[in-house]
Amino acid sequence: MACCYYVNGSVIIYSHNYNNGSYLPNTHCEYIIDVDDDCNLHMCIEMDFSMDGGDAIKIKTLDLSIDYRGDKRPFNANLNSNKASLTFESDSSESLAEGSKWAIGFVCIPENSYKLSAKCATSSLT
């Protein structure tokens, strides 16, 4: 299954079938996030983040590339860019009983007010 989304504002992206953690085998989705030029995107990760061993999330900006696979725990980050892409890929293996359940928020914060802790409350993702 393939999908592609364009987002032009702050967004929370949930794994497909978040409530039951299931995916169709070989899912490939890309999310293009594009916010105002005077903003920096901040990435906020859900506290109860889980991914099956064969799943992967890639976050890219012009100057940055972050790759998460399996049980590697992501972290909140200032992406220092107003444009980013998130690509998710799954395979047919299901190593976790509960499947993959994750949520990642991308928040636009004006360049002149860097307050990650106030804007990136991961508890609000669920």
PDB file of N, CA and C in Angstrom:
ATOM      1  N   MET A   1       0.841  -1.174   0.000  1.00  0.00           N
ATOM      2  CA  MET A   1       0.000   0.000   0.000  1.00  0.00           C
ATOM      3  C   MET A   1       0.885   1.236   0.000  1.00  0.00           C
ATOM      4  N   ALA A   2       0.576   2.197  -0.826  1.00  0.00           N
ATOM      5  CA  ALA A   2       1.342   3.438  -0.886  1.00  0.00           C
ATOM      6  C   ALA A   2       0.411   4.613  -0.636  1.00  0.00           C
ATOM      7  N   CYS A   3       0.937   5.659   0.004  1.00  0.00           N
ATOM      8  CA  CYS A   3       0.151   6.864   0.224  1.00  0.00           C
ATOM      9  C   CYS A   3       1.102   8.052   0.322  1.00  0.00           C
ATOM     10  N   CYS A   4       0.573   9.220  -0.004  1.00  0.00           N
ATOM     11  CA  CYS A   4       1.368  10.441   0.082  1.00  0.00           C
ATOM     12  C   CYS A   4       0.442  11.578   0.502  1.00  0.00           C
ATOM     13  N   TYR A   5       0.887  12.377   1.482  1.00  0.00           N
ATOM     14  CA  TYR A   5       0.081  13.479   2.002  1.00  0.00           C
ATOM     15  C   TYR A   5       0.915  14.754   2.008  1.00  0.00           C
ATOM     16  N   TYR A   6       0.277  15.876   1.728  1.00  0.00           N
ATOM     17  CA  TYR A   6       0.906  17.187   1.834  1.00  0.00           C
ATOM     18  C   TYR A   6       0.208  17.945   2.956  1.00  0.00           C
ATOM     19  N   VAL A   7       0.997  18.480   3.899  1.00  0.00           N
ATOM     20  CA  VAL A   7       0.456  19.184   5.054  1.00  0.00           C
ATOM     21  C   VAL A   7       1.099  20.566   5.100  1.00  0.00           C
ATOM     22  N   ASN A   8       0.291  21.628   5.251  1.00  0.00           N
ATOM     23  CA  ASN A   8       0.871  22.976   5.299  1.00  0.00           C
ATOM     24  C   ASN A   8       0.604  23.666   6.628  1.00  0.00           C
ATOM     25  N   GLY A   9       0.800  22.937   7.712  1.00  0.00           N
ATOM     26  CA  GLY A   9       0.645  23.495   9.052  1.00  0.00           C
ATOM     27  C   GLY A   9       1.072  22.485  10.094  1.00  0.00           C
ATOM     28  N   SER A  10       0.923  22.837  11.356  1.00  0.00           N
ATOM     29  CA  SER A  10       1.233  21.903  12.438  1.00  0.00           C
ATOM     30  C   SER A  10       0.346  20.674  12.308  1.00  0.00           C
ATOM     31  N   VAL A  11       0.896  19.515  12.629  1.00  0.00           N
ATOM     32  CA  VAL A  11       0.164  18.265  12.404  1.00  0.00           C
ATOM     33  C   VAL A  11       0.648  17.188  13.375  1.00  0.00           C
ATOM     34  N   ILE A  12      -0.235  16.258  13.686  1.00  0.00           N
ATOM     35  CA  ILE A  12       0.143  15.036  14.396  1.00  0.00           C
ATOM     36  C   ILE A  12      -0.111  13.882  13.436  1.00  0.00           C
ATOM     37  N   ILE A  13       0.902  13.081  13.206  1.00  0.00           N
ATOM     38  CA  ILE A  13       0.798  11.941  12.306  1.00  0.00           C
ATOM     39  C   ILE A  13       0.766  10.680  13.165  1.00  0.00           C
ATOM     40  N   TYR A  14      -0.281   9.884  12.975  1.00  0.00           N
ATOM     41  CA  TYR A  14      -0.442   8.625  13.709  1.00  0.00           C
ATOM     42  C   TYR A  14      -0.117   7.458  12.791  1.00  0.00           C
ATOM     43  N   SER A  15       0.389   6.373  13.375  1.00  0.00           N
ATOM     44  CA  SER A  15       0.570   5.163  12.593  1.00  0.00           C
ATOM     45  C   SER A  15      -0.792   4.679  12.101  1.00  0.00           C
ATOM     46  N   HIS A  16      -0.817   4.038  10.963  1.00  0.00           N
ATOM     47  CA  HIS A  16      -2.075   3.524  10.411  1.00  0.00           C
ATOM     48  C   HIS A  16      -2.692   2.530  11.389  1.00  0.00           C
ATOM     49  N   ASN A  17      -4.000   2.520  11.484  1.00  0.00           N
ATOM     50  CA  ASN A  17      -4.708   1.636  12.424  1.00  0.00           C
ATOM     51  C   ASN A  17      -4.099   1.731  13.820  1.00  0.00           C
ATOM     52  N   TYR A  18      -3.894   2.951  14.273  1.00  0.00           N
ATOM     53  CA  TYR A  18      -3.214   3.215  15.543  1.00  0.00           C
ATOM     54  C   TYR A  18      -3.797   2.408  16.702  1.00  0.00           C
ATOM     55  N   ASN A  19      -5.108   2.281  16.763  1.00  0.00           N
ATOM     56  CA  ASN A  19      -5.738   1.599  17.904  1.00  0.00           C
ATOM     57  C   ASN A  19      -5.398   0.127  17.990  1.00  0.00           C
ATOM     58  N   ASN A  20      -5.195  -0.542  16.857  1.00  0.00           N
ATOM     59  CA  ASN A  20      -4.850  -1.968  16.934  1.00  0.00           C
ATOM     60  C   ASN A  20      -3.431  -2.262  16.464  1.00  0.00           C
ATOM     61  N   GLY A  21      -2.683  -1.264  16.071  1.00  0.00           N
ATOM     62  CA  GLY A  21      -1.267  -1.435  15.728  1.00  0.00           C
ATOM     63  C   GLY A  21      -1.003  -2.241  14.471  1.00  0.00           C
ATOM     64  N   SER A  22      -1.971  -2.352  13.572  1.00  0.00           N
ATOM     65  CA  SER A  22      -1.770  -3.202  12.401  1.00  0.00           C
ATOM     66  C   SER A  22      -1.522  -2.389  11.137  1.00  0.00           C
ATOM     67  N   TYR A  23      -0.819  -2.986  10.217  1.00  0.00           N
ATOM     68  CA  TYR A  23      -0.518  -2.403   8.912  1.00  0.00           C
ATOM     69  C   TYR A  23      -0.773  -3.448   7.847  1.00  0.00           C
ATOM     70  N   LEU A  24      -1.040  -2.991   6.659  1.00  0.00           N
ATOM     71  CA  LEU A  24      -0.976  -3.889   5.523  1.00  0.00           C
ATOM     72  C   LEU A  24       0.501  -4.158   5.269  1.00  0.00           C
ATOM     73  N   PRO A  25       0.852  -5.381   4.882  1.00  0.00           N
ATOM     74  CA  PRO A  25       2.269  -5.651   4.589  1.00  0.00           C
ATOM     75  C   PRO A  25       2.777  -4.696   3.506  1.00  0.00           C
ATOM     76  N   ASN A  26       4.021  -4.305   3.645  1.00  0.00           N
ATOM     77  CA  ASN A  26       4.701  -3.454   2.667  1.00  0.00           C
ATOM     78  C   ASN A  26       4.014  -2.112   2.445  1.00  0.00           C
ATOM     79  N   THR A  27       3.616  -1.474   3.530  1.00  0.00           N
ATOM     80  CA  THR A  27       3.066  -0.119   3.474  1.00  0.00           C
ATOM     81  C   THR A  27       4.215   0.869   3.277  1.00  0.00           C
ATOM     82  N   HIS A  28       3.989   1.860   2.450  1.00  0.00           N
ATOM     83  CA  HIS A  28       4.968   2.927   2.239  1.00  0.00           C
ATOM     84  C   HIS A  28       4.195   4.240   2.140  1.00  0.00           C
ATOM     85  N   CYS A  29       4.358   5.115   3.129  1.00  0.00           N
ATOM     86  CA  CYS A  29       3.660   6.400   3.133  1.00  0.00           C
ATOM     87  C   CYS A  29       4.659   7.531   3.300  1.00  0.00           C
ATOM     88  N   GLU A  30       4.380   8.633   2.632  1.00  0.00           N
ATOM     89  CA  GLU A  30       5.208   9.822   2.791  1.00  0.00           C
ATOM     90  C   GLU A  30       4.322  11.009   3.123  1.00  0.00           C
ATOM     91  N   TYR A  31       4.777  11.815   4.074  1.00  0.00           N
ATOM     92  CA  TYR A  31       4.092  13.030   4.489  1.00  0.00           C
ATOM     93  C   TYR A  31       5.034  14.194   4.220  1.00  0.00           C
ATOM     94  N   ILE A  32       4.611  15.151   3.422  1.00  0.00           N
ATOM     95  CA  ILE A  32       5.391  16.358   3.147  1.00  0.00           C
ATOM     96  C   ILE A  32       4.809  17.457   4.024  1.00  0.00           C
ATOM     97  N   ILE A  33       5.646  18.055   4.872  1.00  0.00           N
ATOM     98  CA  ILE A  33       5.197  19.086   5.805  1.00  0.00           C
ATOM     99  C   ILE A  33       5.880  20.387   5.413  1.00  0.00           C
ATOM    100  N   ASP A  34       5.085  21.421   5.183  1.00  0.00           N
ATOM    101  CA  ASP A  34       5.592  22.702   4.697  1.00  0.00           C
ATOM    102  C   ASP A  34       4.857  23.807   5.449  1.00  0.00           C
ATOM    103  N   VAL A  35       5.581  24.545   6.296  1.00  0.00           N
ATOM    104  CA  VAL A  35       4.966  25.606   7.095  1.00  0.00           C
ATOM    105  C   VAL A  35       5.543  26.961   6.689  1.00  0.00           C
ATOM    106  N   ASP A  36       5.074  28.027   7.332  1.00  0.00           N
ATOM    107  CA  ASP A  36       5.520  29.385   7.022  1.00  0.00           C
ATOM    108  C   ASP A  36       7.042  29.502   7.044  1.00  0.00           C
ATOM    109  N   ASP A  37       7.563  30.384   6.193  1.00  0.00           N
ATOM    110  CA  ASP A  37       9.013  30.579   6.091  1.00  0.00           C
ATOM    111  C   ASP A  37       9.660  31.041   7.388  1.00  0.00           C
ATOM    112  N   ASP A  38       8.915  31.755   8.252  1.00  0.00           N
ATOM    113  CA  ASP A  38       9.502  32.275   9.491  1.00  0.00           C
ATOM    114  C   ASP A  38       9.364  31.300  10.660  1.00  0.00           C
ATOM    115  N   CYS A  39       9.061  30.033  10.381  1.00  0.00           N
ATOM    116  CA  CYS A  39       8.894  29.012  11.429  1.00  0.00           C
ATOM    117  C   CYS A  39       9.967  27.942  11.335  1.00  0.00           C
ATOM    118  N   ASN A  40      10.244  27.339  12.472  1.00  0.00           N
ATOM    119  CA  ASN A  40      11.035  26.117  12.536  1.00  0.00           C
ATOM    120  C   ASN A  40      10.108  24.999  12.970  1.00  0.00           C
ATOM    121  N   LEU A  41      10.227  23.855  12.314  1.00  0.00           N
ATOM    122  CA  LEU A  41       9.446  22.692  12.724  1.00  0.00           C
ATOM    123  C   LEU A  41      10.105  22.037  13.925  1.00  0.00           C
ATOM    124  N   HIS A  42       9.298  21.705  14.908  1.00  0.00           N
ATOM    125  CA  HIS A  42       9.747  20.946  16.066  1.00  0.00           C
ATOM    126  C   HIS A  42       9.018  19.617  16.033  1.00  0.00           C
ATOM    127  N   MET A  43       9.761  18.550  16.231  1.00  0.00           N
ATOM    128  CA  MET A  43       9.204  17.209  16.195  1.00  0.00           C
ATOM    129  C   MET A  43       8.980  16.737  17.628  1.00  0.00           C
ATOM    130  N   CYS A  44       7.768  16.270  17.912  1.00  0.00           N
ATOM    131  CA  CYS A  44       7.391  15.822  19.249  1.00  0.00           C
ATOM    132  C   CYS A  44       6.968  14.357  19.168  1.00  0.00           C
ATOM    133  N   ILE A  45       7.564  13.517  19.971  1.00  0.00           N
ATOM    134  CA  ILE A  45       7.340  12.076  19.909  1.00  0.00           C
ATOM    135  C   ILE A  45       6.425  11.631  21.041  1.00  0.00           C
ATOM    136  N   GLU A  46       5.482  10.748  20.723  1.00  0.00           N
ATOM    137  CA  GLU A  46       4.598  10.167  21.736  1.00  0.00           C
ATOM    138  C   GLU A  46       5.412   9.379  22.755  1.00  0.00           C
ATOM    139  N   MET A  47       5.006   9.412  24.003  1.00  0.00           N
ATOM    140  CA  MET A  47       5.729   8.718  25.070  1.00  0.00           C
ATOM    141  C   MET A  47       5.705   7.196  24.897  1.00  0.00           C
ATOM    142  N   ASP A  48       4.571   6.620  24.505  1.00  0.00           N
ATOM    143  CA  ASP A  48       4.450   5.165  24.353  1.00  0.00           C
ATOM    144  C   ASP A  48       4.696   4.763  22.906  1.00  0.00           C
ATOM    145  N   PHE A  49       5.864   5.045  22.400  1.00  0.00           N
ATOM    146  CA  PHE A  49       6.223   4.815  21.007  1.00  0.00           C
ATOM    147  C   PHE A  49       6.662   3.364  20.837  1.00  0.00           C
ATOM    148  N   SER A  50       6.086   2.650  19.871  1.00  0.00           N
ATOM    149  CA  SER A  50       6.539   1.282  19.599  1.00  0.00           C
ATOM    150  C   SER A  50       6.464   1.008  18.100  1.00  0.00           C
ATOM    151  N   MET A  51       7.477   0.287  17.602  1.00  0.00           N
ATOM    152  CA  MET A  51       7.527  -0.093  16.189  1.00  0.00           C
ATOM    153  C   MET A  51       7.989  -1.532  16.082  1.00  0.00           C
ATOM    154  N   ASP A  52       7.369  -2.271  15.155  1.00  0.00           N
ATOM    155  CA  ASP A  52       7.831  -3.624  14.858  1.00  0.00           C
ATOM    156  C   ASP A  52       9.240  -3.580  14.295  1.00  0.00           C
ATOM    157  N   GLY A  53       9.931  -4.690  14.401  1.00  0.00           N
ATOM    158  CA  GLY A  53      11.324  -4.772  13.975  1.00  0.00           C
ATOM    159  C   GLY A  53      11.581  -4.416  12.525  1.00  0.00           C
ATOM    160  N   GLY A  54      10.647  -4.713  11.627  1.00  0.00           N
ATOM    161  CA  GLY A  54      10.852  -4.435  10.211  1.00  0.00           C
ATOM    162  C   GLY A  54      10.349  -3.082   9.766  1.00  0.00           C
ATOM    163  N   ASP A  55       9.774  -2.296  10.667  1.00  0.00           N
ATOM    164  CA  ASP A  55       9.236  -0.992  10.312  1.00  0.00           C
ATOM    165  C   ASP A  55      10.318   0.081  10.408  1.00  0.00           C
ATOM    166  N   ALA A  56      10.142   1.156   9.662  1.00  0.00           N
ATOM    167  CA  ALA A  56      11.123   2.248   9.680  1.00  0.00           C
ATOM    168  C   ALA A  56      10.427   3.580   9.457  1.00  0.00           C
ATOM    169  N   ILE A  57      10.931   4.613  10.124  1.00  0.00           N
ATOM    170  CA  ILE A  57      10.486   5.989   9.924  1.00  0.00           C
ATOM    171  C   ILE A  57      11.719   6.806   9.579  1.00  0.00           C
ATOM    172  N   LYS A  58      11.599   7.610   8.518  1.00  0.00           N
ATOM    173  CA  LYS A  58      12.694   8.492   8.113  1.00  0.00           C
ATOM    174  C   LYS A  58      12.162   9.914   8.064  1.00  0.00           C
ATOM    175  N   ILE A  59      12.874  10.820   8.722  1.00  0.00           N
ATOM    176  CA  ILE A  59      12.518  12.231   8.714  1.00  0.00           C
ATOM    177  C   ILE A  59      13.666  12.971   8.035  1.00  0.00           C
ATOM    178  N   LYS A  60      13.329  13.777   7.018  1.00  0.00           N
ATOM    179  CA  LYS A  60      14.370  14.491   6.276  1.00  0.00           C
ATOM    180  C   LYS A  60      14.008  15.955   6.113  1.00  0.00           C
ATOM    181  N   THR A  61      15.032  16.785   6.230  1.00  0.00           N
ATOM    182  CA  THR A  61      14.957  18.188   5.845  1.00  0.00           C
ATOM    183  C   THR A  61      16.099  18.409   4.857  1.00  0.00           C
ATOM    184  N   LEU A  62      16.285  19.631   4.434  1.00  0.00           N
ATOM    185  CA  LEU A  62      17.377  19.930   3.521  1.00  0.00           C
ATOM    186  C   LEU A  62      18.732  19.583   4.139  1.00  0.00           C
ATOM    187  N   ASP A  63      18.884  19.798   5.463  1.00  0.00           N
ATOM    188  CA  ASP A  63      20.178  19.615   6.130  1.00  0.00           C
ATOM    189  C   ASP A  63      20.232  18.445   7.102  1.00  0.00           C
ATOM    190  N   LEU A  64      19.152  17.663   7.243  1.00  0.00           N
ATOM    191  CA  LEU A  64      19.065  16.675   8.319  1.00  0.00           C
ATOM    192  C   LEU A  64      18.394  15.405   7.824  1.00  0.00           C
ATOM    193  N   SER A  65      18.868  14.270   8.313  1.00  0.00           N
ATOM    194  CA  SER A  65      18.213  13.000   8.020  1.00  0.00           C
ATOM    195  C   SER A  65      18.225  12.157   9.292  1.00  0.00           C
ATOM    196  N   ILE A  66      17.043  11.746   9.747  1.00  0.00           N
ATOM    197  CA  ILE A  66      16.903  10.934  10.959  1.00  0.00           C
ATOM    198  C   ILE A  66      16.216   9.643  10.557  1.00  0.00           C
ATOM    199  N   ASP A  67      16.757   8.501  10.994  1.00  0.00           N
ATOM    200  CA  ASP A  67      16.223   7.196  10.622  1.00  0.00           C
ATOM    201  C   ASP A  67      15.954   6.393  11.889  1.00  0.00           C
ATOM    202  N   TYR A  68      14.703   5.933  12.057  1.00  0.00           N
ATOM    203  CA  TYR A  68      14.336   5.096  13.204  1.00  0.00           C
ATOM    204  C   TYR A  68      13.906   3.734  12.694  1.00  0.00           C
ATOM    205  N   ARG A  69      14.420   2.680  13.300  1.00  0.00           N
ATOM    206  CA  ARG A  69      14.042   1.311  12.939  1.00  0.00           C
ATOM    207  C   ARG A  69      13.817   0.503  14.206  1.00  0.00           C
ATOM    208  N   GLY A  70      12.858  -0.419  14.124  1.00  0.00           N
ATOM    209  CA  GLY A  70      12.621  -1.350  15.213  1.00  0.00           C
ATOM    210  C   GLY A  70      12.397  -0.665  16.536  1.00  0.00           C
ATOM    211  N   ASP A  71      13.137  -1.056  17.559  1.00  0.00           N
ATOM    212  CA  ASP A  71      12.900  -0.540  18.908  1.00  0.00           C
ATOM    213  C   ASP A  71      13.727   0.700  19.244  1.00  0.00           C
ATOM    214  N   LYS A  72      14.376   1.322  18.259  1.00  0.00           N
ATOM    215  CA  LYS A  72      15.119   2.560  18.505  1.00  0.00           C
ATOM    216  C   LYS A  72      14.129   3.658  18.881  1.00  0.00           C
ATOM    217  N   ARG A  73      14.298   4.277  20.030  1.00  0.00           N
ATOM    218  CA  ARG A  73      13.362   5.271  20.558  1.00  0.00           C
ATOM    219  C   ARG A  73      13.682   6.655  20.020  1.00  0.00           C
ATOM    220  N   PRO A  74      12.766   7.281  19.286  1.00  0.00           N
ATOM    221  CA  PRO A  74      12.987   8.641  18.796  1.00  0.00           C
ATOM    222  C   PRO A  74      13.011   9.664  19.930  1.00  0.00           C
ATOM    223  N   PHE A  75      13.381  10.873  19.609  1.00  0.00           N
ATOM    224  CA  PHE A  75      13.479  11.947  20.590  1.00  0.00           C
ATOM    225  C   PHE A  75      12.881  13.211  20.003  1.00  0.00           C
ATOM    226  N   ASN A  76      12.421  14.109  20.864  1.00  0.00           N
ATOM    227  CA  ASN A  76      11.942  15.416  20.420  1.00  0.00           C
ATOM    228  C   ASN A  76      13.124  16.201  19.854  1.00  0.00           C
ATOM    229  N   ALA A  77      12.862  16.992  18.817  1.00  0.00           N
ATOM    230  CA  ALA A  77      13.963  17.725  18.203  1.00  0.00           C
ATOM    231  C   ALA A  77      13.468  18.967  17.476  1.00  0.00           C
ATOM    232  N   ASN A  78      14.324  19.986  17.446  1.00  0.00           N
ATOM    233  CA  ASN A  78      14.113  21.159  16.604  1.00  0.00           C
ATOM    234  C   ASN A  78      14.740  20.810  15.258  1.00  0.00           C
ATOM    235  N   LEU A  79      13.934  20.769  14.191  1.00  0.00           N
ATOM    236  CA  LEU A  79      14.442  20.383  12.884  1.00  0.00           C
ATOM    237  C   LEU A  79      15.132  21.536  12.145  1.00  0.00           C
ATOM    238  N   ASN A  80      15.053  22.744  12.699  1.00  0.00           N
ATOM    239  CA  ASN A  80      15.703  23.926  12.114  1.00  0.00           C
ATOM    240  C   ASN A  80      15.370  24.107  10.633  1.00  0.00           C
ATOM    241  N   SER A  81      14.121  23.868  10.299  1.00  0.00           N
ATOM    242  CA  SER A  81      13.675  24.008   8.913  1.00  0.00           C
ATOM    243  C   SER A  81      12.171  24.227   8.904  1.00  0.00           C
ATOM    244  N   ASN A  82      11.669  24.838   7.862  1.00  0.00           N
ATOM    245  CA  ASN A  82      10.216  25.008   7.738  1.00  0.00           C
ATOM    246  C   ASN A  82       9.613  23.963   6.794  1.00  0.00           C
ATOM    247  N   LYS A  83      10.454  23.053   6.280  1.00  0.00           N
ATOM    248  CA  LYS A  83       9.987  21.978   5.404  1.00  0.00           C
ATOM    249  C   LYS A  83      10.618  20.662   5.840  1.00  0.00           C
ATOM    250  N   ALA A  84       9.822  19.598   5.831  1.00  0.00           N
ATOM    251  CA  ALA A  84      10.336  18.274   6.184  1.00  0.00           C
ATOM    252  C   ALA A  84       9.488  17.214   5.501  1.00  0.00           C
ATOM    253  N   SER A  85      10.050  16.025   5.407  1.00  0.00           N
ATOM    254  CA  SER A  85       9.262  14.884   4.943  1.00  0.00           C
ATOM    255  C   SER A  85       9.432  13.756   5.945  1.00  0.00           C
ATOM    256  N   LEU A  86       8.355  13.021   6.149  1.00  0.00           N
ATOM    257  CA  LEU A  86       8.380  11.828   6.991  1.00  0.00           C
ATOM    258  C   LEU A  86       7.960  10.674   6.089  1.00  0.00           C
ATOM    259  N   THR A  87       8.783   9.642   6.033  1.00  0.00           N
ATOM    260  CA  THR A  87       8.469   8.441   5.270  1.00  0.00           C
ATOM    261  C   THR A  87       8.352   7.287   6.242  1.00  0.00           C
ATOM    262  N   PHE A  88       7.277   6.516   6.103  1.00  0.00           N
ATOM    263  CA  PHE A  88       7.086   5.328   6.927  1.00  0.00           C
ATOM    264  C   PHE A  88       7.047   4.116   6.013  1.00  0.00           C
ATOM    265  N   GLU A  89       7.762   3.049   6.406  1.00  0.00           N
ATOM    266  CA  GLU A  89       7.745   1.795   5.662  1.00  0.00           C
ATOM    267  C   GLU A  89       7.525   0.650   6.632  1.00  0.00           C
ATOM    268  N   SER A  90       6.710  -0.316   6.225  1.00  0.00           N
ATOM    269  CA  SER A  90       6.522  -1.523   7.028  1.00  0.00           C
ATOM    270  C   SER A  90       6.816  -2.734   6.162  1.00  0.00           C
ATOM    271  N   ASP A  91       7.101  -3.833   6.818  1.00  0.00           N
ATOM    272  CA  ASP A  91       7.222  -5.089   6.086  1.00  0.00           C
ATOM    273  C   ASP A  91       6.201  -6.061   6.648  1.00  0.00           C
ATOM    274  N   SER A  92       6.263  -7.300   6.244  1.00  0.00           N
ATOM    275  CA  SER A  92       5.244  -8.262   6.661  1.00  0.00           C
ATOM    276  C   SER A  92       5.559  -8.932   7.994  1.00  0.00           C
ATOM    277  N   SER A  93       6.705  -8.633   8.595  1.00  0.00           N
ATOM    278  CA  SER A  93       7.016  -9.239   9.901  1.00  0.00           C
ATOM    279  C   SER A  93       6.261  -8.515  11.004  1.00  0.00           C
ATOM    280  N   GLU A  94       5.848  -9.231  12.009  1.00  0.00           N
ATOM    281  CA  GLU A  94       5.148  -8.651  13.166  1.00  0.00           C
ATOM    282  C   GLU A  94       5.837  -9.162  14.429  1.00  0.00           C
ATOM    283  N   SER A  95       6.889  -8.481  14.833  1.00  0.00           N
ATOM    284  CA  SER A  95       7.643  -8.954  15.994  1.00  0.00           C
ATOM    285  C   SER A  95       7.038  -8.529  17.326  1.00  0.00           C
ATOM    286  N   LEU A  96       6.250  -7.471  17.361  1.00  0.00           N
ATOM    287  CA  LEU A  96       5.612  -7.031  18.599  1.00  0.00           C
ATOM    288  C   LEU A  96       4.173  -7.527  18.632  1.00  0.00           C
ATOM    289  N   ALA A  97       3.754  -8.077  19.756  1.00  0.00           N
ATOM    290  CA  ALA A  97       2.387  -8.586  19.874  1.00  0.00           C
ATOM    291  C   ALA A  97       1.358  -7.486  19.635  1.00  0.00           C
ATOM    292  N   GLU A  98       1.642  -6.282  20.110  1.00  0.00           N
ATOM    293  CA  GLU A  98       0.689  -5.173  19.948  1.00  0.00           C
ATOM    294  C   GLU A  98       0.882  -4.419  18.633  1.00  0.00           C
ATOM    295  N   GLY A  99       1.857  -4.819  17.805  1.00  0.00           N
ATOM    296  CA  GLY A  99       2.092  -4.142  16.531  1.00  0.00           C
ATOM    297  C   GLY A  99       2.769  -2.801  16.721  1.00  0.00           C
ATOM    298  N   SER A 100       2.744  -1.982  15.678  1.00  0.00           N
ATOM    299  CA  SER A 100       3.361  -0.657  15.712  1.00  0.00           C
ATOM    300  C   SER A 100       2.326   0.388  16.086  1.00  0.00           C
ATOM    301  N   LYS A 101       2.618   1.145  17.124  1.00  0.00           N
ATOM    302  CA  LYS A 101       1.751   2.246  17.548  1.00  0.00           C
ATOM    303  C   LYS A 101       2.638   3.440  17.840  1.00  0.00           C
ATOM    304  N   TRP A 102       2.476   4.479  17.048  1.00  0.00           N
ATOM    305  CA  TRP A 102       3.294   5.668  17.258  1.00  0.00           C
ATOM    306  C   TRP A 102       2.539   6.904  16.789  1.00  0.00           C
ATOM    307  N   ALA A 103       2.968   8.032  17.321  1.00  0.00           N
ATOM    308  CA  ALA A 103       2.445   9.327  16.905  1.00  0.00           C
ATOM    309  C   ALA A 103       3.603  10.321  16.978  1.00  0.00           C
ATOM    310  N   ILE A 104       3.704  11.132  15.936  1.00  0.00           N
ATOM    311  CA  ILE A 104       4.744  12.157  15.872  1.00  0.00           C
ATOM    312  C   ILE A 104       4.067  13.472  15.517  1.00  0.00           C
ATOM    313  N   GLY A 105       4.298  14.482  16.338  1.00  0.00           N
ATOM    314  CA  GLY A 105       3.757  15.804  16.064  1.00  0.00           C
ATOM    315  C   GLY A 105       4.819  16.693  15.452  1.00  0.00           C
ATOM    316  N   PHE A 106       4.405  17.530  14.522  1.00  0.00           N
ATOM    317  CA  PHE A 106       5.278  18.546  13.939  1.00  0.00           C
ATOM    318  C   PHE A 106       4.610  19.891  14.198  1.00  0.00           C
ATOM    319  N   VAL A 107       5.287  20.737  14.952  1.00  0.00           N
ATOM    320  CA  VAL A 107       4.730  22.008  15.389  1.00  0.00           C
ATOM    321  C   VAL A 107       5.561  23.143  14.803  1.00  0.00           C
ATOM    322  N   CYS A 108       4.883  24.148  14.268  1.00  0.00           N
ATOM    323  CA  CYS A 108       5.541  25.340  13.734  1.00  0.00           C
ATOM    324  C   CYS A 108       5.772  26.312  14.888  1.00  0.00           C
ATOM    325  N   ILE A 109       7.038  26.635  15.139  1.00  0.00           N
ATOM    326  CA  ILE A 109       7.374  27.610  16.175  1.00  0.00           C
ATOM    327  C   ILE A 109       8.125  28.763  15.505  1.00  0.00           C
ATOM    328  N   PRO A 110       7.634  30.001  15.657  1.00  0.00           N
ATOM    329  CA  PRO A 110       8.324  31.142  15.045  1.00  0.00           C
ATOM    330  C   PRO A 110       9.795  31.171  15.441  1.00  0.00           C
ATOM    331  N   GLU A 111      10.640  31.514  14.500  1.00  0.00           N
ATOM    332  CA  GLU A 111      12.090  31.506  14.730  1.00  0.00           C
ATOM    333  C   GLU A 111      12.513  32.359  15.909  1.00  0.00           C
ATOM    334  N   ASN A 112      11.745  33.388  16.241  1.00  0.00           N
ATOM    335  CA  ASN A 112      12.141  34.277  17.337  1.00  0.00           C
ATOM    336  C   ASN A 112      11.631  33.824  18.707  1.00  0.00           C
ATOM    337  N   SER A 113      10.966  32.654  18.793  1.00  0.00           N
ATOM    338  CA  SER A 113      10.502  32.176  20.112  1.00  0.00           C
ATOM    339  C   SER A 113      10.693  30.674  20.231  1.00  0.00           C
ATOM    340  N   TYR A 114      11.874  30.299  20.666  1.00  0.00           N
ATOM    341  CA  TYR A 114      12.228  28.888  20.814  1.00  0.00           C
ATOM    342  C   TYR A 114      11.818  28.393  22.202  1.00  0.00           C
ATOM    343  N   LYS A 115      10.640  27.766  22.276  1.00  0.00           N
ATOM    344  CA  LYS A 115      10.139  27.247  23.554  1.00  0.00           C
ATOM    345  C   LYS A 115       9.626  25.838  23.325  1.00  0.00           C
ATOM    346  N   LEU A 116      10.550  24.895  23.109  1.00  0.00           N
ATOM    347  CA  LEU A 116      10.197  23.519  22.793  1.00  0.00           C
ATOM    348  C   LEU A 116       9.335  22.877  23.872  1.00  0.00           C
ATOM    349  N   SER A 117       9.685  23.081  25.123  1.00  0.00           N
ATOM    350  CA  SER A 117       8.961  22.402  26.183  1.00  0.00           C
ATOM    351  C   SER A 117       7.502  22.856  26.267  1.00  0.00           C
ATOM    352  N   ALA A 118       7.223  24.131  25.974  1.00  0.00           N
ATOM    353  CA  ALA A 118       5.852  24.625  26.042  1.00  0.00           C
ATOM    354  C   ALA A 118       5.019  24.150  24.854  1.00  0.00           C
ATOM    355  N   LYS A 119       5.631  23.985  23.703  1.00  0.00           N
ATOM    356  CA  LYS A 119       4.901  23.624  22.487  1.00  0.00           C
ATOM    357  C   LYS A 119       4.873  22.120  22.239  1.00  0.00           C
ATOM    358  N   CYS A 120       5.801  21.375  22.763  1.00  0.00           N
ATOM    359  CA  CYS A 120       5.941  19.960  22.455  1.00  0.00           C
ATOM    360  C   CYS A 120       5.544  19.100  23.649  1.00  0.00           C
ATOM    361  N   ALA A 121       4.306  19.144  24.045  1.00  0.00           N
ATOM    362  CA  ALA A 121       3.836  18.305  25.151  1.00  0.00           C
ATOM    363  C   ALA A 121       3.379  16.982  24.564  1.00  0.00           C
ATOM    364  N   THR A 122       4.236  15.958  24.652  1.00  0.00           N
ATOM    365  CA  THR A 122       3.919  14.687  24.001  1.00  0.00           C
ATOM    366  C   THR A 122       2.703  14.016  24.601  1.00  0.00           C
ATOM    367  N   SER A 123       2.337  14.354  25.819  1.00  0.00           N
ATOM    368  CA  SER A 123       1.145  13.741  26.403  1.00  0.00           C
ATOM    369  C   SER A 123      -0.114  14.142  25.655  1.00  0.00           C
ATOM    370  N   SER A 124      -0.081  15.254  24.928  1.00  0.00           N
ATOM    371  CA  SER A 124      -1.254  15.678  24.180  1.00  0.00           C
ATOM    372  C   SER A 124      -1.401  14.932  22.864  1.00  0.00           C
ATOM    373  N   LEU A 125      -0.430  14.109  22.503  1.00  0.00           N
ATOM    374  CA  LEU A 125      -0.503  13.369  21.250  1.00  0.00           C
ATOM    375  C   LEU A 125      -1.488  12.200  21.314  1.00  0.00           C
ATOM    376  N   THR A 126      -1.743  11.679  22.494  1.00  0.00           N
ATOM    377  CA  THR A 126      -2.619  10.493  22.566  1.00  0.00           C
ATOM    378  C   THR A 126      -4.007  10.877  22.999  1.00  0.00           C
TER     379      THR A 126
END
